[in-house]
């Protein structure tokens, strides 16, 4: 992955939405979505963009979180490894949708595998 990844953990859904809004308005970044965490009412906001833009967006999101219940943490990962892509792009992320082409290919390959097993 060439772009940087920004991850902001906000406490509370309203705080997370406000932080995501501030992040997107402050810099040229793409909002992947937000993922509810287990416990404490935290939400993880995921953004992509150039390293400088992601840093600026994370700082703006942290400032916006201070108006609400707060920010647990914010991290910027420049050029994340391809090995962590399943953790970033997953169906648990609210707002992120799997491409229909990818999901239909996965279904077709799963169906063809089961067809071979039956024979």
PDB file of N, CA and C in Angstrom:
ATOM      1  N   UNK A   1       0.851  -1.177   0.000  1.00  0.00           N
ATOM      2  CA  UNK A   1       0.000   0.000   0.000  1.00  0.00           C
ATOM      3  C   UNK A   1       0.893   1.235   0.000  1.00  0.00           C
ATOM      4  N   UNK A   2       0.603   2.171  -0.874  1.00  0.00           N
ATOM      5  CA  UNK A   2       1.431   3.364  -1.013  1.00  0.00           C
ATOM      6  C   UNK A   2       0.989   4.470  -0.058  1.00  0.00           C
ATOM      7  N   UNK A   3      -0.301   4.537   0.220  1.00  0.00           N
ATOM      8  CA  UNK A   3      -0.821   5.606   1.062  1.00  0.00           C
ATOM      9  C   UNK A   3      -0.586   5.320   2.541  1.00  0.00           C
ATOM     10  N   UNK A   4      -0.701   6.381   3.340  1.00  0.00           N
ATOM     11  CA  UNK A   4      -0.594   6.250   4.791  1.00  0.00           C
ATOM     12  C   UNK A   4      -1.972   5.931   5.359  1.00  0.00           C
ATOM     13  N   UNK A   5      -1.961   5.274   6.495  1.00  0.00           N
ATOM     14  CA  UNK A   5      -3.187   4.915   7.190  1.00  0.00           C
ATOM     15  C   UNK A   5      -3.253   5.679   8.498  1.00  0.00           C
ATOM     16  N   UNK A   6      -4.397   6.278   8.769  1.00  0.00           N
ATOM     17  CA  UNK A   6      -4.632   6.947  10.040  1.00  0.00           C
ATOM     18  C   UNK A   6      -5.719   6.215  10.796  1.00  0.00           C
ATOM     19  N   UNK A   7      -5.477   5.963  12.073  1.00  0.00           N
ATOM     20  CA  UNK A   7      -6.438   5.259  12.924  1.00  0.00           C
ATOM     21  C   UNK A   7      -6.674   6.109  14.157  1.00  0.00           C
ATOM     22  N   UNK A   8      -7.921   6.483  14.385  1.00  0.00           N
ATOM     23  CA  UNK A   8      -8.281   7.300  15.542  1.00  0.00           C
ATOM     24  C   UNK A   8      -9.311   6.532  16.357  1.00  0.00           C
ATOM     25  N   UNK A   9      -9.055   6.340  17.644  1.00  0.00           N
ATOM     26  CA  UNK A   9     -10.008   5.685  18.527  1.00  0.00           C
ATOM     27  C   UNK A   9     -10.700   6.750  19.360  1.00  0.00           C
ATOM     28  N   UNK A  10     -11.968   6.974  19.047  1.00  0.00           N
ATOM     29  CA  UNK A  10     -12.766   7.973  19.750  1.00  0.00           C
ATOM     30  C   UNK A  10     -13.701   7.272  20.722  1.00  0.00           C
ATOM     31  N   UNK A  11     -13.989   7.936  21.824  1.00  0.00           N
ATOM     32  CA  UNK A  11     -14.879   7.375  22.834  1.00  0.00           C
ATOM     33  C   UNK A  11     -16.276   7.941  22.588  1.00  0.00           C
ATOM     34  N   UNK A  12     -17.189   7.081  22.155  1.00  0.00           N
ATOM     35  CA  UNK A  12     -18.567   7.484  21.861  1.00  0.00           C
ATOM     36  C   UNK A  12     -18.794   7.666  20.376  1.00  0.00           C
ATOM     37  N   UNK A  13     -19.976   7.280  19.928  1.00  0.00           N
ATOM     38  CA  UNK A  13     -20.290   7.352  18.500  1.00  0.00           C
ATOM     39  C   UNK A  13     -20.392   8.785  17.998  1.00  0.00           C
ATOM     40  N   UNK A  14     -21.042   9.652  18.757  1.00  0.00           N
ATOM     41  CA  UNK A  14     -21.174  11.050  18.334  1.00  0.00           C
ATOM     42  C   UNK A  14     -19.800  11.709  18.244  1.00  0.00           C
ATOM     43  N   UNK A  15     -18.936  11.411  19.189  1.00  0.00           N
ATOM     44  CA  UNK A  15     -17.576  11.944  19.165  1.00  0.00           C
ATOM     45  C   UNK A  15     -16.824  11.417  17.954  1.00  0.00           C
ATOM     46  N   UNK A  16     -17.022  10.141  17.621  1.00  0.00           N
ATOM     47  CA  UNK A  16     -16.353   9.550  16.468  1.00  0.00           C
ATOM     48  C   UNK A  16     -16.816  10.182  15.161  1.00  0.00           C
ATOM     49  N   UNK A  17     -18.093  10.437  15.054  1.00  0.00           N
ATOM     50  CA  UNK A  17     -18.620  11.060  13.834  1.00  0.00           C
ATOM     51  C   UNK A  17     -18.084  12.477  13.696  1.00  0.00           C
ATOM     52  N   UNK A  18     -18.058  13.218  14.787  1.00  0.00           N
ATOM     53  CA  UNK A  18     -17.515  14.575  14.749  1.00  0.00           C
ATOM     54  C   UNK A  18     -16.023  14.560  14.400  1.00  0.00           C
ATOM     55  N   UNK A  19     -15.288  13.597  14.942  1.00  0.00           N
ATOM     56  CA  UNK A  19     -13.853  13.485  14.646  1.00  0.00           C
ATOM     57  C   UNK A  19     -13.621  13.118  13.181  1.00  0.00           C
ATOM     58  N   UNK A  20     -14.435  12.219  12.644  1.00  0.00           N
ATOM     59  CA  UNK A  20     -14.311  11.835  11.230  1.00  0.00           C
ATOM     60  C   UNK A  20     -14.607  13.022  10.330  1.00  0.00           C
ATOM     61  N   UNK A  21     -15.605  13.801  10.693  1.00  0.00           N
ATOM     62  CA  UNK A  21     -15.951  15.004   9.926  1.00  0.00           C
ATOM     63  C   UNK A  21     -14.800  16.000   9.942  1.00  0.00           C
ATOM     64  N   UNK A  22     -14.216  16.230  11.112  1.00  0.00           N
ATOM     65  CA  UNK A  22     -13.097  17.166  11.234  1.00  0.00           C
ATOM     66  C   UNK A  22     -11.887  16.677  10.442  1.00  0.00           C
ATOM     67  N   UNK A  23     -11.630  15.376  10.481  1.00  0.00           N
ATOM     68  CA  UNK A  23     -10.491  14.811   9.756  1.00  0.00           C
ATOM     69  C   UNK A  23     -10.648  15.013   8.249  1.00  0.00           C
ATOM     70  N   UNK A  24     -11.841  14.751   7.748  1.00  0.00           N
ATOM     71  CA  UNK A  24     -12.074  14.864   6.301  1.00  0.00           C
ATOM     72  C   UNK A  24     -12.074  16.312   5.821  1.00  0.00           C
ATOM     73  N   UNK A  25     -12.513  17.228   6.663  1.00  0.00           N
ATOM     74  CA  UNK A  25     -12.548  18.641   6.285  1.00  0.00           C
ATOM     75  C   UNK A  25     -11.183  19.307   6.386  1.00  0.00           C
ATOM     76  N   UNK A  26     -10.296  18.763   7.211  1.00  0.00           N
ATOM     77  CA  UNK A  26      -9.019  19.432   7.470  1.00  0.00           C
ATOM     78  C   UNK A  26      -7.937  19.092   6.452  1.00  0.00           C
ATOM     79  N   UNK A  27      -8.056  17.967   5.780  1.00  0.00           N
ATOM     80  CA  UNK A  27      -6.993  17.540   4.865  1.00  0.00           C
ATOM     81  C   UNK A  27      -7.592  16.691   3.752  1.00  0.00           C
ATOM     82  N   UNK A  28      -6.787  16.477   2.730  1.00  0.00           N
ATOM     83  CA  UNK A  28      -7.208  15.675   1.586  1.00  0.00           C
ATOM     84  C   UNK A  28      -7.005  14.192   1.907  1.00  0.00           C
ATOM     85  N   UNK A  29      -7.965  13.619   2.630  1.00  0.00           N
ATOM     86  CA  UNK A  29      -7.910  12.215   3.011  1.00  0.00           C
ATOM     87  C   UNK A  29      -9.207  11.527   2.604  1.00  0.00           C
ATOM     88  N   UNK A  30      -9.158  10.209   2.553  1.00  0.00           N
ATOM     89  CA  UNK A  30     -10.327   9.401   2.244  1.00  0.00           C
ATOM     90  C   UNK A  30     -10.758   8.681   3.513  1.00  0.00           C
ATOM     91  N   UNK A  31     -12.007   8.819   3.860  1.00  0.00           N
ATOM     92  CA  UNK A  31     -12.559   8.137   5.028  1.00  0.00           C
ATOM     93  C   UNK A  31     -12.961   6.733   4.613  1.00  0.00           C
ATOM     94  N   UNK A  32     -12.332   5.728   5.209  1.00  0.00           N
ATOM     95  CA  UNK A  32     -12.703   4.341   4.929  1.00  0.00           C
ATOM     96  C   UNK A  32     -13.969   3.957   5.673  1.00  0.00           C
ATOM     97  N   UNK A  33     -14.145   4.525   6.841  1.00  0.00           N
ATOM     98  CA  UNK A  33     -15.303   4.227   7.661  1.00  0.00           C
ATOM     99  C   UNK A  33     -14.909   4.177   9.123  1.00  0.00           C
ATOM    100  N   UNK A  34     -15.814   3.679   9.941  1.00  0.00           N
ATOM    101  CA  UNK A  34     -15.486   3.528  11.359  1.00  0.00           C
ATOM    102  C   UNK A  34     -15.953   2.166  11.821  1.00  0.00           C
ATOM    103  N   UNK A  35     -15.239   1.645  12.784  1.00  0.00           N
ATOM    104  CA  UNK A  35     -15.495   0.297  13.269  1.00  0.00           C
ATOM    105  C   UNK A  35     -15.753   0.337  14.768  1.00  0.00           C
ATOM    106  N   UNK A  36     -16.876  -0.219  15.200  1.00  0.00           N
ATOM    107  CA  UNK A  36     -17.125  -0.256  16.650  1.00  0.00           C
ATOM    108  C   UNK A  36     -16.154  -1.218  17.326  1.00  0.00           C
ATOM    109  N   UNK A  37     -15.598  -0.777  18.440  1.00  0.00           N
ATOM    110  CA  UNK A  37     -14.681  -1.620  19.212  1.00  0.00           C
ATOM    111  C   UNK A  37     -15.485  -2.374  20.266  1.00  0.00           C
ATOM    112  N   UNK A  38     -14.885  -3.378  20.813  1.00  0.00           N
ATOM    113  CA  UNK A  38     -15.558  -4.138  21.871  1.00  0.00           C
ATOM    114  C   UNK A  38     -15.291  -3.467  23.208  1.00  0.00           C
ATOM    115  N   UNK A  39     -16.334  -2.973  23.831  1.00  0.00           N
ATOM    116  CA  UNK A  39     -16.214  -2.385  25.160  1.00  0.00           C
ATOM    117  C   UNK A  39     -15.924  -0.902  25.164  1.00  0.00           C
ATOM    118  N   UNK A  40     -16.297  -0.256  26.233  1.00  0.00           N
ATOM    119  CA  UNK A  40     -16.040   1.160  26.517  1.00  0.00           C
ATOM    120  C   UNK A  40     -16.650   2.128  25.502  1.00  0.00           C
ATOM    121  N   UNK A  41     -17.477   1.667  24.588  1.00  0.00           N
ATOM    122  CA  UNK A  41     -18.141   2.548  23.644  1.00  0.00           C
ATOM    123  C   UNK A  41     -17.199   3.248  22.682  1.00  0.00           C
ATOM    124  N   UNK A  42     -16.068   2.624  22.380  1.00  0.00           N
ATOM    125  CA  UNK A  42     -15.096   3.250  21.484  1.00  0.00           C
ATOM    126  C   UNK A  42     -15.362   2.864  20.035  1.00  0.00           C
ATOM    127  N   UNK A  43     -14.970   3.766  19.140  1.00  0.00           N
ATOM    128  CA  UNK A  43     -15.084   3.557  17.706  1.00  0.00           C
ATOM    129  C   UNK A  43     -13.748   3.903  17.070  1.00  0.00           C
ATOM    130  N   UNK A  44     -13.331   3.094  16.119  1.00  0.00           N
ATOM    131  CA  UNK A  44     -12.086   3.330  15.408  1.00  0.00           C
ATOM    132  C   UNK A  44     -12.406   3.933  14.047  1.00  0.00           C
ATOM    133  N   UNK A  45     -11.848   5.098  13.784  1.00  0.00           N
ATOM    134  CA  UNK A  45     -12.024   5.787  12.513  1.00  0.00           C
ATOM    135  C   UNK A  45     -10.799   5.481  11.664  1.00  0.00           C
ATOM    136  N   UNK A  46     -11.022   5.101  10.407  1.00  0.00           N
ATOM    137  CA  UNK A  46      -9.921   4.739   9.512  1.00  0.00           C
ATOM    138  C   UNK A  46      -9.889   5.710   8.336  1.00  0.00           C
ATOM    139  N   UNK A  47      -8.710   6.300   8.085  1.00  0.00           N
ATOM    140  CA  UNK A  47      -8.555   7.226   6.969  1.00  0.00           C
ATOM    141  C   UNK A  47      -7.300   6.879   6.175  1.00  0.00           C
ATOM    142  N   UNK A  48      -7.310   7.228   4.890  1.00  0.00           N
ATOM    143  CA  UNK A  48      -6.174   7.005   4.004  1.00  0.00           C
ATOM    144  C   UNK A  48      -5.798   8.303   3.307  1.00  0.00           C
ATOM    145  N   UNK A  49      -4.519   8.458   2.987  1.00  0.00           N
ATOM    146  CA  UNK A  49      -4.051   9.623   2.248  1.00  0.00           C
ATOM    147  C   UNK A  49      -2.536   9.729   2.308  1.00  0.00           C
ATOM    148  N   UNK A  50      -2.018  10.860   1.861  1.00  0.00           N
ATOM    149  CA  UNK A  50      -0.587  11.111   1.974  1.00  0.00           C
ATOM    150  C   UNK A  50      -0.219  11.254   3.445  1.00  0.00           C
ATOM    151  N   UNK A  51       1.037  10.996   3.766  1.00  0.00           N
ATOM    152  CA  UNK A  51       1.474  11.004   5.161  1.00  0.00           C
ATOM    153  C   UNK A  51       1.173  12.342   5.835  1.00  0.00           C
ATOM    154  N   UNK A  52       1.515  13.437   5.194  1.00  0.00           N
ATOM    155  CA  UNK A  52       1.272  14.758   5.787  1.00  0.00           C
ATOM    156  C   UNK A  52      -0.206  15.043   5.988  1.00  0.00           C
ATOM    157  N   UNK A  53      -1.015  14.657   5.008  1.00  0.00           N
ATOM    158  CA  UNK A  53      -2.459  14.884   5.105  1.00  0.00           C
ATOM    159  C   UNK A  53      -3.066  14.031   6.220  1.00  0.00           C
ATOM    160  N   UNK A  54      -2.607  12.803   6.347  1.00  0.00           N
ATOM    161  CA  UNK A  54      -3.136  11.922   7.394  1.00  0.00           C
ATOM    162  C   UNK A  54      -2.732  12.431   8.774  1.00  0.00           C
ATOM    163  N   UNK A  55      -1.503  12.917   8.909  1.00  0.00           N
ATOM    164  CA  UNK A  55      -1.078  13.483  10.193  1.00  0.00           C
ATOM    165  C   UNK A  55      -1.939  14.681  10.567  1.00  0.00           C
ATOM    166  N   UNK A  56      -2.177  15.569   9.604  1.00  0.00           N
ATOM    167  CA  UNK A  56      -3.010  16.748   9.863  1.00  0.00           C
ATOM    168  C   UNK A  56      -4.442  16.342  10.214  1.00  0.00           C
ATOM    169  N   UNK A  57      -4.965  15.348   9.499  1.00  0.00           N
ATOM    170  CA  UNK A  57      -6.327  14.886   9.758  1.00  0.00           C
ATOM    171  C   UNK A  57      -6.449  14.254  11.141  1.00  0.00           C
ATOM    172  N   UNK A  58      -5.439  13.490  11.548  1.00  0.00           N
ATOM    173  CA  UNK A  58      -5.461  12.877  12.887  1.00  0.00           C
ATOM    174  C   UNK A  58      -5.405  13.932  13.983  1.00  0.00           C
ATOM    175  N   UNK A  59      -4.605  14.973  13.768  1.00  0.00           N
ATOM    176  CA  UNK A  59      -4.533  16.061  14.755  1.00  0.00           C
ATOM    177  C   UNK A  59      -5.867  16.786  14.858  1.00  0.00           C
ATOM    178  N   UNK A  60      -6.509  17.027  13.717  1.00  0.00           N
ATOM    179  CA  UNK A  60      -7.819  17.685  13.733  1.00  0.00           C
ATOM    180  C   UNK A  60      -8.862  16.800  14.410  1.00  0.00           C
ATOM    181  N   UNK A  61      -8.784  15.494  14.169  1.00  0.00           N
ATOM    182  CA  UNK A  61      -9.727  14.565  14.793  1.00  0.00           C
ATOM    183  C   UNK A  61      -9.532  14.521  16.299  1.00  0.00           C
ATOM    184  N   UNK A  62      -8.274  14.538  16.756  1.00  0.00           N
ATOM    185  CA  UNK A  62      -7.998  14.548  18.198  1.00  0.00           C
ATOM    186  C   UNK A  62      -8.551  15.817  18.846  1.00  0.00           C
ATOM    187  N   UNK A  63      -8.402  16.951  18.161  1.00  0.00           N
ATOM    188  CA  UNK A  63      -8.940  18.213  18.686  1.00  0.00           C
ATOM    189  C   UNK A  63     -10.462  18.154  18.768  1.00  0.00           C
ATOM    190  N   UNK A  64     -11.093  17.563  17.763  1.00  0.00           N
ATOM    191  CA  UNK A  64     -12.555  17.439  17.770  1.00  0.00           C
ATOM    192  C   UNK A  64     -13.017  16.494  18.875  1.00  0.00           C
ATOM    193  N   UNK A  65     -12.238  15.455  19.141  1.00  0.00           N
ATOM    194  CA  UNK A  65     -12.596  14.505  20.203  1.00  0.00           C
ATOM    195  C   UNK A  65     -12.570  15.159  21.583  1.00  0.00           C
ATOM    196  N   UNK A  66     -11.717  16.150  21.740  1.00  0.00           N
ATOM    197  CA  UNK A  66     -11.629  16.811  23.054  1.00  0.00           C
ATOM    198  C   UNK A  66     -12.919  17.554  23.392  1.00  0.00           C
ATOM    199  N   UNK A  67     -13.734  17.884  22.387  1.00  0.00           N
ATOM    200  CA  UNK A  67     -15.037  18.510  22.633  1.00  0.00           C
ATOM    201  C   UNK A  67     -16.044  17.494  23.152  1.00  0.00           C
ATOM    202  N   UNK A  68     -15.844  16.231  22.811  1.00  0.00           N
ATOM    203  CA  UNK A  68     -16.758  15.162  23.226  1.00  0.00           C
ATOM    204  C   UNK A  68     -16.197  14.393  24.403  1.00  0.00           C
ATOM    205  N   UNK A  69     -16.322  13.082  24.352  1.00  0.00           N
ATOM    206  CA  UNK A  69     -15.859  12.231  25.449  1.00  0.00           C
ATOM    207  C   UNK A  69     -14.363  11.975  25.403  1.00  0.00           C
ATOM    208  N   UNK A  70     -13.725  12.302  24.287  1.00  0.00           N
ATOM    209  CA  UNK A  70     -12.276  12.186  24.221  1.00  0.00           C
ATOM    210  C   UNK A  70     -11.774  11.215  23.179  1.00  0.00           C
ATOM    211  N   UNK A  71     -10.462  11.245  23.017  1.00  0.00           N
ATOM    212  CA  UNK A  71      -9.757  10.384  22.075  1.00  0.00           C
ATOM    213  C   UNK A  71      -8.879   9.438  22.881  1.00  0.00           C
ATOM    214  N   UNK A  72      -9.051   8.148  22.669  1.00  0.00           N
ATOM    215  CA  UNK A  72      -8.237   7.175  23.380  1.00  0.00           C
ATOM    216  C   UNK A  72      -6.832   7.136  22.789  1.00  0.00           C
ATOM    217  N   UNK A  73      -6.736   7.107  21.450  1.00  0.00           N
ATOM    218  CA  UNK A  73      -5.430   7.145  20.791  1.00  0.00           C
ATOM    219  C   UNK A  73      -5.607   7.482  19.316  1.00  0.00           C
ATOM    220  N   UNK A  74      -4.520   7.925  18.709  1.00  0.00           N
ATOM    221  CA  UNK A  74      -4.488   8.200  17.275  1.00  0.00           C
ATOM    222  C   UNK A  74      -3.120   7.781  16.761  1.00  0.00           C
ATOM    223  N   UNK A  75      -3.106   7.058  15.663  1.00  0.00           N
ATOM    224  CA  UNK A  75      -1.861   6.554  15.093  1.00  0.00           C
ATOM    225  C   UNK A  75      -1.830   6.811  13.596  1.00  0.00           C
ATOM    226  N   UNK A  76      -0.626   7.060  13.086  1.00  0.00           N
ATOM    227  CA  UNK A  76      -0.403   7.199  11.651  1.00  0.00           C
ATOM    228  C   UNK A  76       0.620   6.138  11.250  1.00  0.00           C
ATOM    229  N   UNK A  77       0.262   5.334  10.259  1.00  0.00           N
ATOM    230  CA  UNK A  77       1.172   4.315   9.752  1.00  0.00           C
ATOM    231  C   UNK A  77       1.476   4.659   8.299  1.00  0.00           C
ATOM    232  N   UNK A  78       2.717   5.035   8.032  1.00  0.00           N
ATOM    233  CA  UNK A  78       3.130   5.344   6.664  1.00  0.00           C
ATOM    234  C   UNK A  78       3.392   4.040   5.921  1.00  0.00           C
ATOM    235  N   UNK A  79       2.763   3.887   4.774  1.00  0.00           N
ATOM    236  CA  UNK A  79       2.926   2.690   3.941  1.00  0.00           C
ATOM    237  C   UNK A  79       2.769   1.393   4.732  1.00  0.00           C
ATOM    238  N   UNK A  80       1.553   1.108   5.211  1.00  0.00           N
ATOM    239  CA  UNK A  80       1.357  -0.130   5.974  1.00  0.00           C
ATOM    240  C   UNK A  80       1.628  -1.373   5.121  1.00  0.00           C
ATOM    241  N   UNK A  81       2.069  -2.419   5.761  1.00  0.00           N
ATOM    242  CA  UNK A  81       2.373  -3.682   5.092  1.00  0.00           C
ATOM    243  C   UNK A  81       1.101  -4.293   4.514  1.00  0.00           C
ATOM    244  N   UNK A  82       1.251  -5.013   3.408  1.00  0.00           N
ATOM    245  CA  UNK A  82       0.106  -5.686   2.802  1.00  0.00           C
ATOM    246  C   UNK A  82      -0.482  -6.762   3.719  1.00  0.00           C
ATOM    247  N   UNK A  83       0.300  -7.228   4.662  1.00  0.00           N
ATOM    248  CA  UNK A  83      -0.180  -8.253   5.578  1.00  0.00           C
ATOM    249  C   UNK A  83      -1.281  -7.794   6.516  1.00  0.00           C
ATOM    250  N   UNK A  84      -1.370  -6.491   6.745  1.00  0.00           N
ATOM    251  CA  UNK A  84      -2.415  -6.001   7.656  1.00  0.00           C
ATOM    252  C   UNK A  84      -3.655  -5.515   6.909  1.00  0.00           C
ATOM    253  N   UNK A  85      -3.674  -5.654   5.585  1.00  0.00           N
ATOM    254  CA  UNK A  85      -4.831  -5.195   4.814  1.00  0.00           C
ATOM    255  C   UNK A  85      -6.148  -5.825   5.250  1.00  0.00           C
ATOM    256  N   UNK A  86      -6.197  -7.111   5.595  1.00  0.00           N
ATOM    257  CA  UNK A  86      -7.469  -7.668   6.068  1.00  0.00           C
ATOM    258  C   UNK A  86      -7.977  -7.012   7.352  1.00  0.00           C
ATOM    259  N   UNK A  87      -7.073  -6.472   8.163  1.00  0.00           N
ATOM    260  CA  UNK A  87      -7.497  -5.778   9.377  1.00  0.00           C
ATOM    261  C   UNK A  87      -8.052  -4.391   9.057  1.00  0.00           C
ATOM    262  N   UNK A  88      -7.591  -3.814   7.962  1.00  0.00           N
ATOM    263  CA  UNK A  88      -8.021  -2.476   7.583  1.00  0.00           C
ATOM    264  C   UNK A  88      -9.318  -2.533   6.785  1.00  0.00           C
ATOM    265  N   UNK A  89      -9.318  -3.346   5.730  1.00  0.00           N
ATOM    266  CA  UNK A  89     -10.475  -3.467   4.850  1.00  0.00           C
ATOM    267  C   UNK A  89     -11.246  -4.712   5.241  1.00  0.00           C
ATOM    268  N   UNK A  90     -12.284  -4.543   6.070  1.00  0.00           N
ATOM    269  CA  UNK A  90     -13.079  -5.700   6.480  1.00  0.00           C
ATOM    270  C   UNK A  90     -14.546  -5.317   6.578  1.00  0.00           C
ATOM    271  N   UNK A  91     -15.384  -6.319   6.689  1.00  0.00           N
ATOM    272  CA  UNK A  91     -16.828  -6.090   6.695  1.00  0.00           C
ATOM    273  C   UNK A  91     -17.344  -5.511   8.003  1.00  0.00           C
ATOM    274  N   UNK A  92     -16.519  -5.446   9.045  1.00  0.00           N
ATOM    275  CA  UNK A  92     -16.930  -4.856  10.320  1.00  0.00           C
ATOM    276  C   UNK A  92     -16.895  -3.334  10.287  1.00  0.00           C
ATOM    277  N   UNK A  93     -16.258  -2.768   9.282  1.00  0.00           N
ATOM    278  CA  UNK A  93     -16.134  -1.323   9.184  1.00  0.00           C
ATOM    279  C   UNK A  93     -17.411  -0.732   8.619  1.00  0.00           C
ATOM    280  N   UNK A  94     -18.056   0.121   9.396  1.00  0.00           N
ATOM    281  CA  UNK A  94     -19.275   0.789   8.968  1.00  0.00           C
ATOM    282  C   UNK A  94     -18.890   1.850   7.935  1.00  0.00           C
ATOM    283  N   UNK A  95     -19.493   1.784   6.763  1.00  0.00           N
ATOM    284  CA  UNK A  95     -19.190   2.739   5.703  1.00  0.00           C
ATOM    285  C   UNK A  95     -18.324   2.155   4.610  1.00  0.00           C
ATOM    286  N   UNK A  96     -17.599   1.064   4.897  1.00  0.00           N
ATOM    287  CA  UNK A  96     -16.776   0.411   3.879  1.00  0.00           C
ATOM    288  C   UNK A  96     -17.578  -0.719   3.272  1.00  0.00           C
ATOM    289  N   UNK A  97     -17.617  -0.766   1.943  1.00  0.00           N
ATOM    290  CA  UNK A  97     -18.351  -1.824   1.280  1.00  0.00           C
ATOM    291  C   UNK A  97     -17.406  -2.631   0.417  1.00  0.00           C
ATOM    292  N   UNK A  98     -17.523  -3.937   0.501  1.00  0.00           N
ATOM    293  CA  UNK A  98     -16.719  -4.823  -0.319  1.00  0.00           C
ATOM    294  C   UNK A  98     -17.211  -4.711  -1.748  1.00  0.00           C
ATOM    295  N   UNK A  99     -16.275  -4.632  -2.706  1.00  0.00           N
ATOM    296  CA  UNK A  99     -16.664  -4.563  -4.117  1.00  0.00           C
ATOM    297  C   UNK A  99     -17.453  -5.802  -4.478  1.00  0.00           C
ATOM    298  N   UNK A 100     -18.535  -5.597  -5.254  1.00  0.00           N
ATOM    299  CA  UNK A 100     -19.377  -6.725  -5.637  1.00  0.00           C
ATOM    300  C   UNK A 100     -18.615  -7.700  -6.523  1.00  0.00           C
ATOM    301  N   UNK A 101     -17.698  -7.182  -7.353  1.00  0.00           N
ATOM    302  CA  UNK A 101     -16.907  -8.050  -8.213  1.00  0.00           C
ATOM    303  C   UNK A 101     -16.062  -8.998  -7.382  1.00  0.00           C
ATOM    304  N   UNK A 102     -15.434  -8.469  -6.311  1.00  0.00           N
ATOM    305  CA  UNK A 102     -14.602  -9.293  -5.443  1.00  0.00           C
ATOM    306  C   UNK A 102     -15.432 -10.339  -4.726  1.00  0.00           C
ATOM    307  N   UNK A 103     -16.601  -9.920  -4.191  1.00  0.00           N
ATOM    308  CA  UNK A 103     -17.414 -10.862  -3.429  1.00  0.00           C
ATOM    309  C   UNK A 103     -18.011 -11.926  -4.343  1.00  0.00           C
ATOM    310  N   UNK A 104     -18.392 -11.578  -5.588  1.00  0.00           N
ATOM    311  CA  UNK A 104     -18.941 -12.582  -6.488  1.00  0.00           C
ATOM    312  C   UNK A 104     -17.866 -13.564  -6.923  1.00  0.00           C
ATOM    313  N   UNK A 105     -16.617 -13.085  -7.104  1.00  0.00           N
ATOM    314  CA  UNK A 105     -15.521 -13.986  -7.445  1.00  0.00           C
ATOM    315  C   UNK A 105     -15.257 -14.947  -6.291  1.00  0.00           C
ATOM    316  N   UNK A 106     -15.307 -14.440  -5.056  1.00  0.00           N
ATOM    317  CA  UNK A 106     -15.097 -15.290  -3.892  1.00  0.00           C
ATOM    318  C   UNK A 106     -16.177 -16.361  -3.791  1.00  0.00           C
ATOM    319  N   UNK A 107     -17.432 -15.963  -4.055  1.00  0.00           N
ATOM    320  CA  UNK A 107     -18.531 -16.917  -4.006  1.00  0.00           C
ATOM    321  C   UNK A 107     -18.382 -17.976  -5.090  1.00  0.00           C
ATOM    322  N   UNK A 108     -17.989 -17.536  -6.313  1.00  0.00           N
ATOM    323  CA  UNK A 108     -17.817 -18.482  -7.408  1.00  0.00           C
ATOM    324  C   UNK A 108     -16.707 -19.478  -7.105  1.00  0.00           C
ATOM    325  N   UNK A 109     -15.600 -18.990  -6.551  1.00  0.00           N
ATOM    326  CA  UNK A 109     -14.498 -19.903  -6.236  1.00  0.00           C
ATOM    327  C   UNK A 109     -14.896 -20.847  -5.107  1.00  0.00           C
ATOM    328  N   UNK A 110     -15.674 -20.369  -4.145  1.00  0.00           N
ATOM    329  CA  UNK A 110     -16.138 -21.234  -3.057  1.00  0.00           C
ATOM    330  C   UNK A 110     -17.091 -22.292  -3.600  1.00  0.00           C
ATOM    331  N   UNK A 111     -17.975 -21.881  -4.518  1.00  0.00           N
ATOM    332  CA  UNK A 111     -18.906 -22.838  -5.112  1.00  0.00           C
ATOM    333  C   UNK A 111     -18.174 -23.876  -5.947  1.00  0.00           C
ATOM    334  N   UNK A 112     -17.175 -23.468  -6.705  1.00  0.00           N
ATOM    335  CA  UNK A 112     -16.444 -24.420  -7.541  1.00  0.00           C
ATOM    336  C   UNK A 112     -15.648 -25.388  -6.670  1.00  0.00           C
ATOM    337  N   UNK A 113     -15.146 -24.923  -5.525  1.00  0.00           N
ATOM    338  CA  UNK A 113     -14.416 -25.811  -4.626  1.00  0.00           C
ATOM    339  C   UNK A 113     -15.338 -26.869  -4.037  1.00  0.00           C
ATOM    340  N   UNK A 114     -16.548 -26.477  -3.658  1.00  0.00           N
ATOM    341  CA  UNK A 114     -17.484 -27.451  -3.092  1.00  0.00           C
ATOM    342  C   UNK A 114     -17.966 -28.415  -4.171  1.00  0.00           C
ATOM    343  N   UNK A 115     -18.111 -27.932  -5.429  1.00  0.00           N
ATOM    344  CA  UNK A 115     -18.502 -28.816  -6.523  1.00  0.00           C
ATOM    345  C   UNK A 115     -17.454 -29.898  -6.722  1.00  0.00           C
ATOM    346  N   UNK A 116     -16.175 -29.549  -6.638  1.00  0.00           N
ATOM    347  CA  UNK A 116     -15.101 -30.515  -6.822  1.00  0.00           C
ATOM    348  C   UNK A 116     -15.060 -31.520  -5.681  1.00  0.00           C
ATOM    349  N   UNK A 117     -15.389 -31.067  -4.484  1.00  0.00           N
ATOM    350  CA  UNK A 117     -15.364 -31.965  -3.339  1.00  0.00           C
ATOM    351  C   UNK A 117     -16.457 -33.026  -3.428  1.00  0.00           C
ATOM    352  N   UNK A 118     -17.605 -32.663  -4.009  1.00  0.00           N
ATOM    353  CA  UNK A 118     -18.727 -33.578  -4.112  1.00  0.00           C
ATOM    354  C   UNK A 118     -18.407 -34.683  -5.114  1.00  0.00           C
ATOM    355  N   UNK A 119     -17.722 -34.335  -6.198  1.00  0.00           N
ATOM    356  CA  UNK A 119     -17.396 -35.310  -7.236  1.00  0.00           C
ATOM    357  C   UNK A 119     -16.467 -36.303  -6.696  1.00  0.00           C
TER     358      UNK A 119
END
